[in-house]
Amino acid sequence: MASALGRLARLSAFRNARASPRTPSDGPGRTVTPCRTAVSTSSGAILPKPKKTPFGLIRIALVVVPFLYVGTQISKNFAALLEEHDIFVPEDDDDDD
């Protein structure tokens, strides 16, 4: 769902940028997002390759895994606190009919 919304936002921004080029004097709150669609200059020179971020997936994993672990620890401790104070205790229904 979130990725679909992200694609929709990029697509609408791309369409708006192509339909009407904006200038800084268009008004407050409007920003221009640079978009590279060309691979060569008007004189025919080939543009350099875009900068590539090395170890992208490793960096993502190094951020996601610790925060997932911390989140699970917080959830576990909060659930134990709720059960200790009898705020939320699951009922033991033994229906052996």
N, C-alpha and C. Protein backbone atom coordinates (compact mmCIF):
# COMPACT_ATOMS: atom_id res chain seq x y z
N MET A 1 0.82 -1.18 0.00
CA MET A 1 0.00 0.00 0.00
C MET A 1 0.86 1.24 0.00
N ALA A 2 1.88 1.27 0.88
CA ALA A 2 2.75 2.44 0.97
C ALA A 2 3.56 2.60 -0.30
N SER A 3 4.02 1.49 -0.88
CA SER A 3 4.81 1.61 -2.10
C SER A 3 3.94 2.10 -3.26
N ALA A 4 2.67 1.72 -3.28
CA ALA A 4 1.78 2.20 -4.32
C ALA A 4 1.54 3.70 -4.18
N LEU A 5 1.41 4.18 -2.94
CA LEU A 5 1.23 5.61 -2.72
C LEU A 5 2.49 6.38 -3.11
N GLY A 6 3.64 5.80 -2.82
CA GLY A 6 4.90 6.44 -3.19
C GLY A 6 5.05 6.55 -4.69
N ARG A 7 4.69 5.47 -5.41
CA ARG A 7 4.75 5.52 -6.87
C ARG A 7 3.78 6.54 -7.42
N LEU A 8 2.59 6.62 -6.83
CA LEU A 8 1.60 7.59 -7.29
C LEU A 8 2.09 9.02 -7.07
N ALA A 9 2.72 9.27 -5.93
CA ALA A 9 3.23 10.61 -5.64
C ALA A 9 4.35 10.98 -6.60
N ARG A 10 5.25 10.02 -6.88
CA ARG A 10 6.33 10.31 -7.83
C ARG A 10 5.78 10.54 -9.22
N LEU A 11 4.79 9.75 -9.61
CA LEU A 11 4.22 9.89 -10.94
C LEU A 11 3.53 11.24 -11.10
N SER A 12 2.77 11.66 -10.09
CA SER A 12 2.10 12.95 -10.20
C SER A 12 3.10 14.09 -10.18
N ALA A 13 4.16 13.96 -9.39
CA ALA A 13 5.20 15.00 -9.37
C ALA A 13 5.91 15.05 -10.71
N PHE A 14 6.15 13.88 -11.31
CA PHE A 14 6.80 13.83 -12.61
C PHE A 14 5.93 14.47 -13.68
N ARG A 15 4.63 14.19 -13.66
CA ARG A 15 3.72 14.78 -14.65
C ARG A 15 3.63 16.29 -14.48
N ASN A 16 3.55 16.75 -13.23
CA ASN A 16 3.46 18.19 -12.99
C ASN A 16 4.75 18.89 -13.41
N ALA A 17 5.89 18.25 -13.18
CA ALA A 17 7.16 18.87 -13.55
C ALA A 17 7.30 18.96 -15.06
N ARG A 18 6.77 17.99 -15.79
CA ARG A 18 6.88 18.01 -17.25
C ARG A 18 5.86 18.94 -17.87
N ALA A 19 4.68 19.05 -17.25
CA ALA A 19 3.61 19.84 -17.84
C ALA A 19 3.89 21.33 -17.72
N SER A 20 4.37 21.78 -16.59
CA SER A 20 4.63 23.20 -16.40
C SER A 20 5.92 23.38 -15.62
N PRO A 21 6.98 23.80 -16.32
CA PRO A 21 8.22 24.02 -15.58
C PRO A 21 8.06 25.16 -14.59
N ARG A 22 8.56 24.97 -13.40
CA ARG A 22 8.38 25.95 -12.33
C ARG A 22 9.63 26.79 -12.16
N THR A 23 9.40 27.98 -11.75
CA THR A 23 10.51 28.87 -11.44
C THR A 23 10.45 29.19 -9.96
N PRO A 24 11.53 29.68 -9.38
CA PRO A 24 11.49 29.99 -7.94
C PRO A 24 10.46 31.05 -7.58
N SER A 25 9.99 31.83 -8.56
CA SER A 25 9.02 32.88 -8.25
C SER A 25 7.58 32.39 -8.35
N ASP A 26 7.35 31.08 -8.46
CA ASP A 26 5.99 30.54 -8.58
C ASP A 26 5.19 30.70 -7.30
N GLY A 27 5.83 30.88 -6.18
CA GLY A 27 5.10 31.07 -4.94
C GLY A 27 5.76 30.33 -3.80
N PRO A 28 5.33 30.61 -2.60
CA PRO A 28 5.94 29.96 -1.43
C PRO A 28 5.49 28.50 -1.32
N GLY A 29 6.40 27.68 -0.81
CA GLY A 29 6.05 26.28 -0.56
C GLY A 29 6.22 25.39 -1.77
N ARG A 30 6.56 25.94 -2.89
CA ARG A 30 6.74 25.12 -4.09
C ARG A 30 8.22 24.92 -4.31
N THR A 31 8.61 23.66 -4.42
CA THR A 31 10.01 23.35 -4.65
C THR A 31 10.15 22.59 -5.95
N VAL A 32 11.28 22.70 -6.55
CA VAL A 32 11.57 22.01 -7.80
C VAL A 32 12.46 20.82 -7.47
N THR A 33 12.03 19.63 -7.89
CA THR A 33 12.81 18.44 -7.68
C THR A 33 13.60 18.15 -8.94
N PRO A 34 14.92 18.05 -8.84
CA PRO A 34 15.69 17.77 -10.05
C PRO A 34 15.42 16.36 -10.54
N CYS A 35 15.25 16.24 -11.84
CA CYS A 35 14.94 14.95 -12.44
C CYS A 35 15.86 14.78 -13.64
N ARG A 36 16.62 13.71 -13.64
CA ARG A 36 17.56 13.47 -14.74
C ARG A 36 16.94 12.48 -15.70
N THR A 37 16.55 12.97 -16.86
CA THR A 37 15.97 12.09 -17.88
C THR A 37 16.88 11.99 -19.09
N ALA A 38 17.94 12.80 -19.15
CA ALA A 38 18.82 12.80 -20.31
C ALA A 38 20.10 12.02 -20.01
N VAL A 39 20.67 11.44 -21.06
CA VAL A 39 21.95 10.76 -20.93
C VAL A 39 23.04 11.50 -21.70
N SER A 40 22.65 12.55 -22.42
CA SER A 40 23.64 13.32 -23.16
C SER A 40 23.26 14.80 -23.12
N THR A 41 24.25 15.67 -23.33
CA THR A 41 24.01 17.10 -23.34
C THR A 41 23.50 17.52 -24.71
N SER A 42 23.13 18.77 -24.83
CA SER A 42 22.63 19.26 -26.12
C SER A 42 23.71 19.25 -27.19
N SER A 43 24.99 19.30 -26.78
CA SER A 43 26.08 19.26 -27.75
C SER A 43 26.43 17.84 -28.16
N GLY A 44 25.88 16.85 -27.47
CA GLY A 44 26.12 15.45 -27.83
C GLY A 44 27.05 14.72 -26.88
N ALA A 45 27.58 15.39 -25.89
CA ALA A 45 28.48 14.75 -24.93
C ALA A 45 27.68 13.85 -24.00
N ILE A 46 28.26 12.70 -23.66
CA ILE A 46 27.60 11.75 -22.77
C ILE A 46 27.83 12.19 -21.34
N LEU A 47 26.76 12.25 -20.56
CA LEU A 47 26.86 12.65 -19.16
C LEU A 47 27.51 11.55 -18.34
N PRO A 48 28.18 11.88 -17.24
CA PRO A 48 28.80 10.84 -16.40
C PRO A 48 27.73 10.00 -15.70
N LYS A 49 28.15 8.82 -15.28
CA LYS A 49 27.23 7.92 -14.59
C LYS A 49 26.78 8.56 -13.28
N PRO A 50 25.52 8.32 -12.88
CA PRO A 50 25.06 8.83 -11.59
C PRO A 50 25.82 8.15 -10.45
N LYS A 51 25.91 8.85 -9.31
CA LYS A 51 26.61 8.30 -8.15
C LYS A 51 25.83 7.12 -7.59
N LYS A 52 26.51 6.03 -7.33
CA LYS A 52 25.88 4.82 -6.81
C LYS A 52 26.25 4.65 -5.35
N THR A 53 25.26 4.33 -4.52
CA THR A 53 25.50 4.11 -3.10
C THR A 53 25.92 2.66 -2.90
N PRO A 54 27.17 2.42 -2.47
CA PRO A 54 27.59 1.05 -2.26
C PRO A 54 26.99 0.46 -0.98
N PHE A 55 26.82 -0.83 -0.97
CA PHE A 55 26.31 -1.58 0.18
C PHE A 55 24.94 -1.09 0.62
N GLY A 56 24.05 -0.81 -0.31
CA GLY A 56 22.73 -0.30 0.02
C GLY A 56 21.92 -1.25 0.89
N LEU A 57 21.87 -2.53 0.50
CA LEU A 57 21.08 -3.49 1.27
C LEU A 57 21.70 -3.77 2.64
N ILE A 58 23.02 -3.75 2.71
CA ILE A 58 23.67 -3.99 4.00
C ILE A 58 23.37 -2.82 4.94
N ARG A 59 23.41 -1.60 4.42
CA ARG A 59 23.09 -0.45 5.27
C ARG A 59 21.65 -0.50 5.76
N ILE A 60 20.75 -0.90 4.88
CA ILE A 60 19.34 -1.02 5.29
C ILE A 60 19.21 -2.06 6.40
N ALA A 61 19.87 -3.20 6.23
CA ALA A 61 19.79 -4.26 7.24
C ALA A 61 20.39 -3.80 8.57
N LEU A 62 21.48 -3.03 8.50
CA LEU A 62 22.12 -2.55 9.73
C LEU A 62 21.25 -1.56 10.48
N VAL A 63 20.32 -0.93 9.81
CA VAL A 63 19.40 -0.01 10.48
C VAL A 63 18.14 -0.73 10.94
N VAL A 64 17.59 -1.59 10.08
CA VAL A 64 16.29 -2.22 10.37
C VAL A 64 16.39 -3.25 11.49
N VAL A 65 17.38 -4.10 11.45
CA VAL A 65 17.47 -5.21 12.42
C VAL A 65 17.57 -4.71 13.86
N PRO A 66 18.45 -3.77 14.20
CA PRO A 66 18.49 -3.31 15.59
C PRO A 66 17.19 -2.66 16.06
N PHE A 67 16.55 -1.87 15.18
CA PHE A 67 15.31 -1.23 15.59
C PHE A 67 14.18 -2.24 15.74
N LEU A 68 14.16 -3.28 14.93
CA LEU A 68 13.17 -4.34 15.12
C LEU A 68 13.39 -5.04 16.46
N TYR A 69 14.64 -5.29 16.79
CA TYR A 69 14.96 -5.95 18.06
C TYR A 69 14.54 -5.07 19.25
N VAL A 70 14.87 -3.80 19.18
CA VAL A 70 14.50 -2.88 20.27
C VAL A 70 12.98 -2.78 20.38
N GLY A 71 12.29 -2.75 19.26
CA GLY A 71 10.83 -2.69 19.28
C GLY A 71 10.21 -3.92 19.89
N THR A 72 10.75 -5.09 19.59
CA THR A 72 10.20 -6.31 20.20
C THR A 72 10.47 -6.34 21.70
N GLN A 73 11.62 -5.86 22.14
CA GLN A 73 11.91 -5.82 23.58
C GLN A 73 10.97 -4.87 24.31
N ILE A 74 10.71 -3.71 23.71
CA ILE A 74 9.78 -2.75 24.32
C ILE A 74 8.38 -3.37 24.41
N SER A 75 7.95 -4.02 23.34
CA SER A 75 6.62 -4.65 23.34
C SER A 75 6.51 -5.74 24.39
N LYS A 76 7.56 -6.55 24.48
CA LYS A 76 7.55 -7.64 25.46
C LYS A 76 7.49 -7.11 26.89
N ASN A 77 8.28 -6.09 27.16
CA ASN A 77 8.29 -5.51 28.51
C ASN A 77 6.97 -4.83 28.84
N PHE A 78 6.38 -4.16 27.88
CA PHE A 78 5.11 -3.48 28.12
C PHE A 78 3.99 -4.50 28.34
N ALA A 79 4.01 -5.60 27.60
CA ALA A 79 3.00 -6.65 27.80
C ALA A 79 3.15 -7.27 29.19
N ALA A 80 4.38 -7.46 29.64
CA ALA A 80 4.60 -8.01 30.99
C ALA A 80 4.11 -7.02 32.04
N LEU A 81 4.33 -5.73 31.82
CA LEU A 81 3.86 -4.71 32.76
C LEU A 81 2.33 -4.70 32.85
N LEU A 82 1.66 -4.80 31.70
CA LEU A 82 0.19 -4.84 31.70
C LEU A 82 -0.33 -6.06 32.43
N GLU A 83 0.33 -7.20 32.21
CA GLU A 83 -0.13 -8.42 32.88
C GLU A 83 0.15 -8.36 34.38
N GLU A 84 1.26 -7.76 34.76
CA GLU A 84 1.61 -7.65 36.18
C GLU A 84 0.60 -6.79 36.94
N HIS A 85 0.11 -5.76 36.33
CA HIS A 85 -0.85 -4.87 36.99
C HIS A 85 -2.30 -5.25 36.69
N ASP A 86 -2.52 -6.40 36.13
CA ASP A 86 -3.85 -6.93 35.81
C ASP A 86 -4.67 -5.96 34.96
N ILE A 87 -4.02 -5.26 34.08
CA ILE A 87 -4.74 -4.35 33.17
C ILE A 87 -5.26 -5.13 31.99
N PHE A 88 -4.43 -5.98 31.45
CA PHE A 88 -4.87 -6.83 30.34
C PHE A 88 -4.32 -8.21 30.60
N VAL A 89 -5.20 -9.09 31.02
CA VAL A 89 -4.80 -10.47 31.28
C VAL A 89 -5.74 -11.36 30.47
N PRO A 90 -5.20 -12.17 29.60
CA PRO A 90 -6.07 -13.08 28.84
C PRO A 90 -6.77 -14.07 29.77
N GLU A 91 -8.02 -14.31 29.48
CA GLU A 91 -8.79 -15.26 30.29
C GLU A 91 -8.44 -16.67 29.88
N ASP A 92 -8.37 -17.55 30.87
CA ASP A 92 -8.09 -18.95 30.60
C ASP A 92 -9.42 -19.69 30.48
N ASP A 93 -9.93 -19.76 29.30
CA ASP A 93 -11.19 -20.49 29.04
C ASP A 93 -10.83 -21.88 28.56
N ASP A 94 -11.11 -22.84 29.39
CA ASP A 94 -10.90 -24.23 29.01
C ASP A 94 -12.25 -24.83 28.64
N ASP A 95 -12.56 -24.76 27.40
CA ASP A 95 -13.84 -25.34 26.91
C ASP A 95 -13.56 -26.75 26.39
N ASP A 96 -13.70 -27.71 27.28
CA ASP A 96 -13.49 -29.10 26.92
C ASP A 96 -14.82 -29.82 26.78
N ASP A 97 -15.75 -29.20 26.08
CA ASP A 97 -17.09 -29.81 25.94
C ASP A 97 -17.07 -30.97 25.00
